[in-house]
Structure formats: structure tokens, C-alpha cells
Amino acid sequence: MSEIDMTAADRFMKKISDYYNDLGYPVVWEDVGSERQLEIQFKSESGYFVTATLLAEGNDVVIKDEWGRAQKIKATKGNLEMIKSWSEER
């Protein structure tokens, strides 16, 4: 992915990918049609593995869970820190 044609959402997702990859979490990039999505697998407090999927939608990021719930967020530093904190909560 070229740095020149990356949207704010692409850069946001790349930072998340790098962060979780460096921590040793399973991180997978997939191309779905014309969209790229990022999947991160977490081990929950109950011991089950759960997956968070992030999709770029313009300059926003849509976060989906395994149960079909979705939330659109802005690609901001505060939201980046929130997603990074998931590694501490699990």
C-alpha cells in the first residue's frame, strides 16, 4: 500500500496493525472487493478467542465484532489509543 494514496482510515488501521503485530497478536489483512479489512484476534477474559474486524470507510473506520455489531469511529488519536487499550483489557 503506497503512503501517497492512503486515507486517514488506512493510516489509522496500519498503526493498529503494527501495534498489535508487535505485541504478537494474530493480525490479518484481507481484501474484500475494493475494500481492505483488518482482523485482530483477542483472547477474552473467559478464555475464548474473539475477532475484531476494522474496515476503512472513507476517512472513518467501522469496527465489527463476531456477532454483527458495528460502530463507526473517526480516525483520531483518541480512538487509536482506545483500540490499543484493548490489549490491556484482555
PDB file of N, CA and C in Angstrom:
ATOM      1  N   MET A   1       0.857  -1.151   0.000  1.00  0.00           N
ATOM      2  CA  MET A   1       0.000   0.000   0.000  1.00  0.00           C
ATOM      3  C   MET A   1       0.910   1.223   0.000  1.00  0.00           C
ATOM      4  N   SER A   2       0.764   2.059  -0.940  1.00  0.00           N
ATOM      5  CA  SER A   2       1.572   3.263  -1.069  1.00  0.00           C
ATOM      6  C   SER A   2       1.143   4.301  -0.040  1.00  0.00           C
ATOM      7  N   GLU A   3       2.127   4.976   0.562  1.00  0.00           N
ATOM      8  CA  GLU A   3       1.830   6.020   1.544  1.00  0.00           C
ATOM      9  C   GLU A   3       1.059   7.172   0.909  1.00  0.00           C
ATOM     10  N   ILE A   4       1.263   7.415  -0.395  1.00  0.00           N
ATOM     11  CA  ILE A   4       0.662   8.560  -1.065  1.00  0.00           C
ATOM     12  C   ILE A   4      -0.852   8.424  -1.168  1.00  0.00           C
ATOM     13  N   ASP A   5      -1.355   7.231  -1.483  1.00  0.00           N
ATOM     14  CA  ASP A   5      -2.791   7.086  -1.689  1.00  0.00           C
ATOM     15  C   ASP A   5      -3.530   6.541  -0.463  1.00  0.00           C
ATOM     16  N   MET A   6      -2.909   6.594   0.707  1.00  0.00           N
ATOM     17  CA  MET A   6      -3.557   6.119   1.926  1.00  0.00           C
ATOM     18  C   MET A   6      -4.470   7.205   2.499  1.00  0.00           C
ATOM     19  N   THR A   7      -5.677   6.809   2.856  1.00  0.00           N
ATOM     20  CA  THR A   7      -6.595   7.733   3.525  1.00  0.00           C
ATOM     21  C   THR A   7      -6.239   7.785   5.012  1.00  0.00           C
ATOM     22  N   ALA A   8      -6.887   8.674   5.737  1.00  0.00           N
ATOM     23  CA  ALA A   8      -6.684   8.741   7.189  1.00  0.00           C
ATOM     24  C   ALA A   8      -7.051   7.404   7.838  1.00  0.00           C
ATOM     25  N   ALA A   9      -8.109   6.776   7.345  1.00  0.00           N
ATOM     26  CA  ALA A   9      -8.529   5.480   7.887  1.00  0.00           C
ATOM     27  C   ALA A   9      -7.487   4.406   7.601  1.00  0.00           C
ATOM     28  N   ASP A  10      -6.890   4.424   6.404  1.00  0.00           N
ATOM     29  CA  ASP A  10      -5.842   3.455   6.069  1.00  0.00           C
ATOM     30  C   ASP A  10      -4.645   3.609   7.009  1.00  0.00           C
ATOM     31  N   ARG A  11      -4.221   4.848   7.245  1.00  0.00           N
ATOM     32  CA  ARG A  11      -3.082   5.102   8.135  1.00  0.00           C
ATOM     33  C   ARG A  11      -3.414   4.669   9.564  1.00  0.00           C
ATOM     34  N   PHE A  12      -4.633   4.932   9.993  1.00  0.00           N
ATOM     35  CA  PHE A  12      -5.113   4.538  11.315  1.00  0.00           C
ATOM     36  C   PHE A  12      -5.039   3.016  11.466  1.00  0.00           C
ATOM     37  N   MET A  13      -5.574   2.305  10.480  1.00  0.00           N
ATOM     38  CA  MET A  13      -5.579   0.844  10.529  1.00  0.00           C
ATOM     39  C   MET A  13      -4.164   0.287  10.469  1.00  0.00           C
ATOM     40  N   LYS A  14      -3.273   0.918   9.717  1.00  0.00           N
ATOM     41  CA  LYS A  14      -1.867   0.485   9.638  1.00  0.00           C
ATOM     42  C   LYS A  14      -1.201   0.620  11.005  1.00  0.00           C
ATOM     43  N   LYS A  15      -1.458   1.713  11.709  1.00  0.00           N
ATOM     44  CA  LYS A  15      -0.891   1.898  13.051  1.00  0.00           C
ATOM     45  C   LYS A  15      -1.401   0.822  14.004  1.00  0.00           C
ATOM     46  N   ILE A  16      -2.680   0.492  13.910  1.00  0.00           N
ATOM     47  CA  ILE A  16      -3.248  -0.561  14.753  1.00  0.00           C
ATOM     48  C   ILE A  16      -2.615  -1.903  14.409  1.00  0.00           C
ATOM     49  N   SER A  17      -2.494  -2.186  13.123  1.00  0.00           N
ATOM     50  CA  SER A  17      -1.888  -3.430  12.666  1.00  0.00           C
ATOM     51  C   SER A  17      -0.460  -3.562  13.188  1.00  0.00           C
ATOM     52  N   ASP A  18       0.329  -2.516  13.036  1.00  0.00           N
ATOM     53  CA  ASP A  18       1.723  -2.548  13.500  1.00  0.00           C
ATOM     54  C   ASP A  18       1.788  -2.758  15.009  1.00  0.00           C
ATOM     55  N   TYR A  19       0.942  -2.056  15.750  1.00  0.00           N
ATOM     56  CA  TYR A  19       0.931  -2.146  17.209  1.00  0.00           C
ATOM     57  C   TYR A  19       0.631  -3.574  17.665  1.00  0.00           C
ATOM     58  N   TYR A  20      -0.457  -4.151  17.172  1.00  0.00           N
ATOM     59  CA  TYR A  20      -0.841  -5.490  17.610  1.00  0.00           C
ATOM     60  C   TYR A  20       0.093  -6.566  17.066  1.00  0.00           C
ATOM     61  N   ASN A  21       0.623  -6.367  15.882  1.00  0.00           N
ATOM     62  CA  ASN A  21       1.595  -7.306  15.331  1.00  0.00           C
ATOM     63  C   ASN A  21       2.846  -7.338  16.212  1.00  0.00           C
ATOM     64  N   ASP A  22       3.311  -6.167  16.641  1.00  0.00           N
ATOM     65  CA  ASP A  22       4.485  -6.090  17.517  1.00  0.00           C
ATOM     66  C   ASP A  22       4.238  -6.760  18.868  1.00  0.00           C
ATOM     67  N   LEU A  23       2.990  -6.766  19.340  1.00  0.00           N
ATOM     68  CA  LEU A  23       2.644  -7.430  20.601  1.00  0.00           C
ATOM     69  C   LEU A  23       2.456  -8.938  20.433  1.00  0.00           C
ATOM     70  N   GLY A  24       2.455  -9.421  19.187  1.00  0.00           N
ATOM     71  CA  GLY A  24       2.317 -10.845  18.928  1.00  0.00           C
ATOM     72  C   GLY A  24       0.892 -11.334  18.732  1.00  0.00           C
ATOM     73  N   TYR A  25      -0.051 -10.417  18.577  1.00  0.00           N
ATOM     74  CA  TYR A  25      -1.441 -10.803  18.325  1.00  0.00           C
ATOM     75  C   TYR A  25      -1.600 -11.258  16.874  1.00  0.00           C
ATOM     76  N   PRO A  26      -2.492 -12.229  16.619  1.00  0.00           N
ATOM     77  CA  PRO A  26      -2.787 -12.601  15.235  1.00  0.00           C
ATOM     78  C   PRO A  26      -3.489 -11.445  14.512  1.00  0.00           C
ATOM     79  N   VAL A  27      -2.838 -10.912  13.484  1.00  0.00           N
ATOM     80  CA  VAL A  27      -3.354  -9.785  12.708  1.00  0.00           C
ATOM     81  C   VAL A  27      -3.383 -10.202  11.245  1.00  0.00           C
ATOM     82  N   VAL A  28      -4.530 -10.030  10.575  1.00  0.00           N
ATOM     83  CA  VAL A  28      -4.676 -10.446   9.182  1.00  0.00           C
ATOM     84  C   VAL A  28      -5.296  -9.312   8.377  1.00  0.00           C
ATOM     85  N   TRP A  29      -4.663  -8.986   7.247  1.00  0.00           N
ATOM     86  CA  TRP A  29      -5.247  -8.043   6.285  1.00  0.00           C
ATOM     87  C   TRP A  29      -5.929  -8.852   5.204  1.00  0.00           C
ATOM     88  N   GLU A  30      -7.142  -8.478   4.836  1.00  0.00           N
ATOM     89  CA  GLU A  30      -7.860  -9.147   3.753  1.00  0.00           C
ATOM     90  C   GLU A  30      -8.412  -8.107   2.800  1.00  0.00           C
ATOM     91  N   ASP A  31      -8.461  -8.460   1.529  1.00  0.00           N
ATOM     92  CA  ASP A  31      -9.118  -7.620   0.529  1.00  0.00           C
ATOM     93  C   ASP A  31     -10.497  -8.195   0.280  1.00  0.00           C
ATOM     94  N   VAL A  32     -11.511  -7.366   0.463  1.00  0.00           N
ATOM     95  CA  VAL A  32     -12.891  -7.770   0.217  1.00  0.00           C
ATOM     96  C   VAL A  32     -13.420  -6.839  -0.855  1.00  0.00           C
ATOM     97  N   GLY A  33     -13.425  -7.319  -2.088  1.00  0.00           N
ATOM     98  CA  GLY A  33     -13.818  -6.446  -3.196  1.00  0.00           C
ATOM     99  C   GLY A  33     -12.824  -5.310  -3.303  1.00  0.00           C
ATOM    100  N   SER A  34     -13.304  -4.098  -3.258  1.00  0.00           N
ATOM    101  CA  SER A  34     -12.412  -2.949  -3.341  1.00  0.00           C
ATOM    102  C   SER A  34     -12.002  -2.455  -1.954  1.00  0.00           C
ATOM    103  N   GLU A  35     -12.458  -3.131  -0.906  1.00  0.00           N
ATOM    104  CA  GLU A  35     -12.158  -2.708   0.456  1.00  0.00           C
ATOM    105  C   GLU A  35     -11.102  -3.596   1.089  1.00  0.00           C
ATOM    106  N   ARG A  36     -10.306  -2.975   1.969  1.00  0.00           N
ATOM    107  CA  ARG A  36      -9.363  -3.726   2.779  1.00  0.00           C
ATOM    108  C   ARG A  36      -9.931  -3.792   4.182  1.00  0.00           C
ATOM    109  N   GLN A  37      -9.723  -4.924   4.819  1.00  0.00           N
ATOM    110  CA  GLN A  37     -10.158  -5.031   6.202  1.00  0.00           C
ATOM    111  C   GLN A  37      -9.043  -5.646   7.027  1.00  0.00           C
ATOM    112  N   LEU A  38      -9.043  -5.301   8.289  1.00  0.00           N
ATOM    113  CA  LEU A  38      -8.040  -5.764   9.231  1.00  0.00           C
ATOM    114  C   LEU A  38      -8.745  -6.574  10.303  1.00  0.00           C
ATOM    115  N   GLU A  39      -8.231  -7.776  10.579  1.00  0.00           N
ATOM    116  CA  GLU A  39      -8.802  -8.614  11.630  1.00  0.00           C
ATOM    117  C   GLU A  39      -7.760  -8.827  12.712  1.00  0.00           C
ATOM    118  N   ILE A  40      -8.187  -8.636  13.954  1.00  0.00           N
ATOM    119  CA  ILE A  40      -7.322  -8.860  15.109  1.00  0.00           C
ATOM    120  C   ILE A  40      -8.023  -9.864  16.006  1.00  0.00           C
ATOM    121  N   GLN A  41      -7.284 -10.882  16.450  1.00  0.00           N
ATOM    122  CA  GLN A  41      -7.883 -11.895  17.310  1.00  0.00           C
ATOM    123  C   GLN A  41      -7.407 -11.683  18.748  1.00  0.00           C
ATOM    124  N   PHE A  42      -8.360 -11.659  19.676  1.00  0.00           N
ATOM    125  CA  PHE A  42      -8.084 -11.474  21.095  1.00  0.00           C
ATOM    126  C   PHE A  42      -8.533 -12.701  21.863  1.00  0.00           C
ATOM    127  N   LYS A  43      -7.889 -12.947  22.989  1.00  0.00           N
ATOM    128  CA  LYS A  43      -8.378 -13.958  23.920  1.00  0.00           C
ATOM    129  C   LYS A  43      -9.125 -13.207  25.014  1.00  0.00           C
ATOM    130  N   SER A  44     -10.407 -13.496  25.147  1.00  0.00           N
ATOM    131  CA  SER A  44     -11.241 -12.786  26.117  1.00  0.00           C
ATOM    132  C   SER A  44     -10.926 -13.264  27.535  1.00  0.00           C
ATOM    133  N   GLU A  45     -11.456 -12.541  28.502  1.00  0.00           N
ATOM    134  CA  GLU A  45     -11.252 -12.909  29.902  1.00  0.00           C
ATOM    135  C   GLU A  45     -11.793 -14.303  30.204  1.00  0.00           C
ATOM    136  N   SER A  46     -12.811 -14.724  29.466  1.00  0.00           N
ATOM    137  CA  SER A  46     -13.391 -16.049  29.677  1.00  0.00           C
ATOM    138  C   SER A  46     -12.580 -17.153  29.007  1.00  0.00           C
ATOM    139  N   GLY A  47     -11.549 -16.770  28.240  1.00  0.00           N
ATOM    140  CA  GLY A  47     -10.691 -17.759  27.606  1.00  0.00           C
ATOM    141  C   GLY A  47     -11.009 -18.036  26.155  1.00  0.00           C
ATOM    142  N   TYR A  48     -12.116 -17.502  25.659  1.00  0.00           N
ATOM    143  CA  TYR A  48     -12.486 -17.697  24.264  1.00  0.00           C
ATOM    144  C   TYR A  48     -11.772 -16.680  23.382  1.00  0.00           C
ATOM    145  N   PHE A  49     -11.522 -17.078  22.148  1.00  0.00           N
ATOM    146  CA  PHE A  49     -10.932 -16.149  21.190  1.00  0.00           C
ATOM    147  C   PHE A  49     -12.045 -15.404  20.467  1.00  0.00           C
ATOM    148  N   VAL A  50     -11.889 -14.105  20.356  1.00  0.00           N
ATOM    149  CA  VAL A  50     -12.845 -13.262  19.647  1.00  0.00           C
ATOM    150  C   VAL A  50     -12.086 -12.446  18.610  1.00  0.00           C
ATOM    151  N   THR A  51     -12.790 -12.037  17.571  1.00  0.00           N
ATOM    152  CA  THR A  51     -12.169 -11.297  16.481  1.00  0.00           C
ATOM    153  C   THR A  51     -12.820  -9.933  16.327  1.00  0.00           C
ATOM    154  N   ALA A  52     -11.982  -8.920  16.188  1.00  0.00           N
ATOM    155  CA  ALA A  52     -12.444  -7.570  15.853  1.00  0.00           C
ATOM    156  C   ALA A  52     -12.042  -7.315  14.407  1.00  0.00           C
ATOM    157  N   THR A  53     -12.967  -6.825  13.604  1.00  0.00           N
ATOM    158  CA  THR A  53     -12.704  -6.517  12.201  1.00  0.00           C
ATOM    159  C   THR A  53     -12.838  -5.022  12.003  1.00  0.00           C
ATOM    160  N   LEU A  54     -11.830  -4.421  11.362  1.00  0.00           N
ATOM    161  CA  LEU A  54     -11.842  -2.988  11.090  1.00  0.00           C
ATOM    162  C   LEU A  54     -11.867  -2.783   9.590  1.00  0.00           C
ATOM    163  N   LEU A  55     -12.774  -1.940   9.118  1.00  0.00           N
ATOM    164  CA  LEU A  55     -12.892  -1.630   7.692  1.00  0.00           C
ATOM    165  C   LEU A  55     -12.782  -0.130   7.503  1.00  0.00           C
ATOM    166  N   ALA A  56     -12.025   0.284   6.481  1.00  0.00           N
ATOM    167  CA  ALA A  56     -11.945   1.705   6.141  1.00  0.00           C
ATOM    168  C   ALA A  56     -13.191   2.086   5.356  1.00  0.00           C
ATOM    169  N   GLU A  57     -13.802   3.189   5.752  1.00  0.00           N
ATOM    170  CA  GLU A  57     -14.964   3.719   5.033  1.00  0.00           C
ATOM    171  C   GLU A  57     -14.731   5.220   4.879  1.00  0.00           C
ATOM    172  N   GLY A  58     -14.093   5.586   3.774  1.00  0.00           N
ATOM    173  CA  GLY A  58     -13.680   6.977   3.598  1.00  0.00           C
ATOM    174  C   GLY A  58     -12.598   7.299   4.604  1.00  0.00           C
ATOM    175  N   ASN A  59     -12.794   8.343   5.392  1.00  0.00           N
ATOM    176  CA  ASN A  59     -11.843   8.680   6.448  1.00  0.00           C
ATOM    177  C   ASN A  59     -12.283   8.151   7.808  1.00  0.00           C
ATOM    178  N   ASP A  60     -13.329   7.338   7.824  1.00  0.00           N
ATOM    179  CA  ASP A  60     -13.805   6.717   9.052  1.00  0.00           C
ATOM    180  C   ASP A  60     -13.405   5.248   9.069  1.00  0.00           C
ATOM    181  N   VAL A  61     -13.524   4.646  10.247  1.00  0.00           N
ATOM    182  CA  VAL A  61     -13.235   3.227  10.411  1.00  0.00           C
ATOM    183  C   VAL A  61     -14.466   2.581  11.033  1.00  0.00           C
ATOM    184  N   VAL A  62     -14.884   1.453  10.468  1.00  0.00           N
ATOM    185  CA  VAL A  62     -16.005   0.689  11.015  1.00  0.00           C
ATOM    186  C   VAL A  62     -15.418  -0.508  11.749  1.00  0.00           C
ATOM    187  N   ILE A  63     -15.791  -0.637  13.016  1.00  0.00           N
ATOM    188  CA  ILE A  63     -15.339  -1.757  13.838  1.00  0.00           C
ATOM    189  C   ILE A  63     -16.505  -2.721  13.969  1.00  0.00           C
ATOM    190  N   LYS A  64     -16.248  -3.992  13.623  1.00  0.00           N
ATOM    191  CA  LYS A  64     -17.290  -5.022  13.718  1.00  0.00           C
ATOM    192  C   LYS A  64     -16.804  -6.131  14.631  1.00  0.00           C
ATOM    193  N   ASP A  65     -17.751  -6.766  15.323  1.00  0.00           N
ATOM    194  CA  ASP A  65     -17.407  -7.930  16.120  1.00  0.00           C
ATOM    195  C   ASP A  65     -18.030  -9.178  15.495  1.00  0.00           C
ATOM    196  N   GLU A  66     -17.779 -10.309  16.130  1.00  0.00           N
ATOM    197  CA  GLU A  66     -18.247 -11.588  15.582  1.00  0.00           C
ATOM    198  C   GLU A  66     -19.762 -11.722  15.576  1.00  0.00           C
ATOM    199  N   TRP A  67     -20.443 -10.904  16.354  1.00  0.00           N
ATOM    200  CA  TRP A  67     -21.891 -11.009  16.482  1.00  0.00           C
ATOM    201  C   TRP A  67     -22.625 -10.039  15.574  1.00  0.00           C
ATOM    202  N   GLY A  68     -21.891  -9.386  14.683  1.00  0.00           N
ATOM    203  CA  GLY A  68     -22.519  -8.496  13.719  1.00  0.00           C
ATOM    204  C   GLY A  68     -22.713  -7.067  14.172  1.00  0.00           C
ATOM    205  N   ARG A  69     -22.313  -6.765  15.393  1.00  0.00           N
ATOM    206  CA  ARG A  69     -22.424  -5.379  15.858  1.00  0.00           C
ATOM    207  C   ARG A  69     -21.346  -4.544  15.181  1.00  0.00           C
ATOM    208  N   ALA A  70     -21.677  -3.305  14.848  1.00  0.00           N
ATOM    209  CA  ALA A  70     -20.728  -2.425  14.158  1.00  0.00           C
ATOM    210  C   ALA A  70     -20.822  -1.022  14.741  1.00  0.00           C
ATOM    211  N   GLN A  71     -19.682  -0.360  14.747  1.00  0.00           N
ATOM    212  CA  GLN A  71     -19.626   1.021  15.210  1.00  0.00           C
ATOM    213  C   GLN A  71     -18.666   1.790  14.311  1.00  0.00           C
ATOM    214  N   LYS A  72     -19.112   2.950  13.845  1.00  0.00           N
ATOM    215  CA  LYS A  72     -18.264   3.796  13.008  1.00  0.00           C
ATOM    216  C   LYS A  72     -17.567   4.812  13.903  1.00  0.00           C
ATOM    217  N   ILE A  73     -16.237   4.914  13.738  1.00  0.00           N
ATOM    218  CA  ILE A  73     -15.465   5.880  14.514  1.00  0.00           C
ATOM    219  C   ILE A  73     -14.613   6.722  13.578  1.00  0.00           C
ATOM    220  N   LYS A  74     -14.191   7.856  14.067  1.00  0.00           N
ATOM    221  CA  LYS A  74     -13.266   8.718  13.332  1.00  0.00           C
ATOM    222  C   LYS A  74     -11.847   8.219  13.567  1.00  0.00           C
ATOM    223  N   ALA A  75     -10.976   8.436  12.597  1.00  0.00           N
ATOM    224  CA  ALA A  75      -9.573   8.041  12.707  1.00  0.00           C
ATOM    225  C   ALA A  75      -8.820   9.119  13.489  1.00  0.00           C
ATOM    226  N   THR A  76      -9.039   9.137  14.820  1.00  0.00           N
ATOM    227  CA  THR A  76      -8.412  10.138  15.677  1.00  0.00           C
ATOM    228  C   THR A  76      -7.416   9.482  16.622  1.00  0.00           C
ATOM    229  N   LYS A  77      -6.553  10.299  17.207  1.00  0.00           N
ATOM    230  CA  LYS A  77      -5.570   9.781  18.159  1.00  0.00           C
ATOM    231  C   LYS A  77      -6.267   9.157  19.372  1.00  0.00           C
ATOM    232  N   GLY A  78      -7.340   9.789  19.841  1.00  0.00           N
ATOM    233  CA  GLY A  78      -8.075   9.246  20.982  1.00  0.00           C
ATOM    234  C   GLY A  78      -8.646   7.866  20.703  1.00  0.00           C
ATOM    235  N   ASN A  79      -9.213   7.669  19.513  1.00  0.00           N
ATOM    236  CA  ASN A  79      -9.754   6.358  19.148  1.00  0.00           C
ATOM    237  C   ASN A  79      -8.642   5.344  18.927  1.00  0.00           C
ATOM    238  N   LEU A  80      -7.495   5.797  18.433  1.00  0.00           N
ATOM    239  CA  LEU A  80      -6.339   4.910  18.276  1.00  0.00           C
ATOM    240  C   LEU A  80      -5.903   4.400  19.650  1.00  0.00           C
ATOM    241  N   GLU A  81      -5.818   5.292  20.620  1.00  0.00           N
ATOM    242  CA  GLU A  81      -5.433   4.894  21.979  1.00  0.00           C
ATOM    243  C   GLU A  81      -6.473   3.954  22.589  1.00  0.00           C
ATOM    244  N   MET A  82      -7.763   4.188  22.297  1.00  0.00           N
ATOM    245  CA  MET A  82      -8.817   3.318  22.804  1.00  0.00           C
ATOM    246  C   MET A  82      -8.618   1.892  22.281  1.00  0.00           C
ATOM    247  N   ILE A  83      -8.356   1.764  20.986  1.00  0.00           N
ATOM    248  CA  ILE A  83      -8.192   0.433  20.398  1.00  0.00           C
ATOM    249  C   ILE A  83      -6.911  -0.223  20.902  1.00  0.00           C
ATOM    250  N   LYS A  84      -5.859   0.547  21.083  1.00  0.00           N
ATOM    251  CA  LYS A  84      -4.625  -0.006  21.646  1.00  0.00           C
ATOM    252  C   LYS A  84      -4.865  -0.522  23.064  1.00  0.00           C
ATOM    253  N   SER A  85      -5.765   0.125  23.802  1.00  0.00           N
ATOM    254  CA  SER A  85      -6.018  -0.278  25.191  1.00  0.00           C
ATOM    255  C   SER A  85      -6.698  -1.645  25.285  1.00  0.00           C
ATOM    256  N   TRP A  86      -7.279  -2.118  24.194  1.00  0.00           N
ATOM    257  CA  TRP A  86      -7.916  -3.433  24.218  1.00  0.00           C
ATOM    258  C   TRP A  86      -6.928  -4.515  24.609  1.00  0.00           C
ATOM    259  N   SER A  87      -5.652  -4.343  24.262  1.00  0.00           N
ATOM    260  CA  SER A  87      -4.652  -5.356  24.607  1.00  0.00           C
ATOM    261  C   SER A  87      -4.456  -5.422  26.117  1.00  0.00           C
ATOM    262  N   GLU A  88      -4.671  -4.321  26.821  1.00  0.00           N
ATOM    263  CA  GLU A  88      -4.514  -4.286  28.273  1.00  0.00           C
ATOM    264  C   GLU A  88      -5.741  -4.832  28.980  1.00  0.00           C
ATOM    265  N   GLU A  89      -6.902  -4.705  28.349  1.00  0.00           N
ATOM    266  CA  GLU A  89      -8.153  -5.143  28.965  1.00  0.00           C
ATOM    267  C   GLU A  89      -8.365  -6.640  28.834  1.00  0.00           C
ATOM    268  N   ARG A  90      -7.731  -7.262  27.891  1.00  0.00           N
ATOM    269  CA  ARG A  90      -7.969  -8.684  27.633  1.00  0.00           C
ATOM    270  C   ARG A  90      -7.095  -9.524  28.498  1.00  0.00           C
TER     271      ARG A  90
END
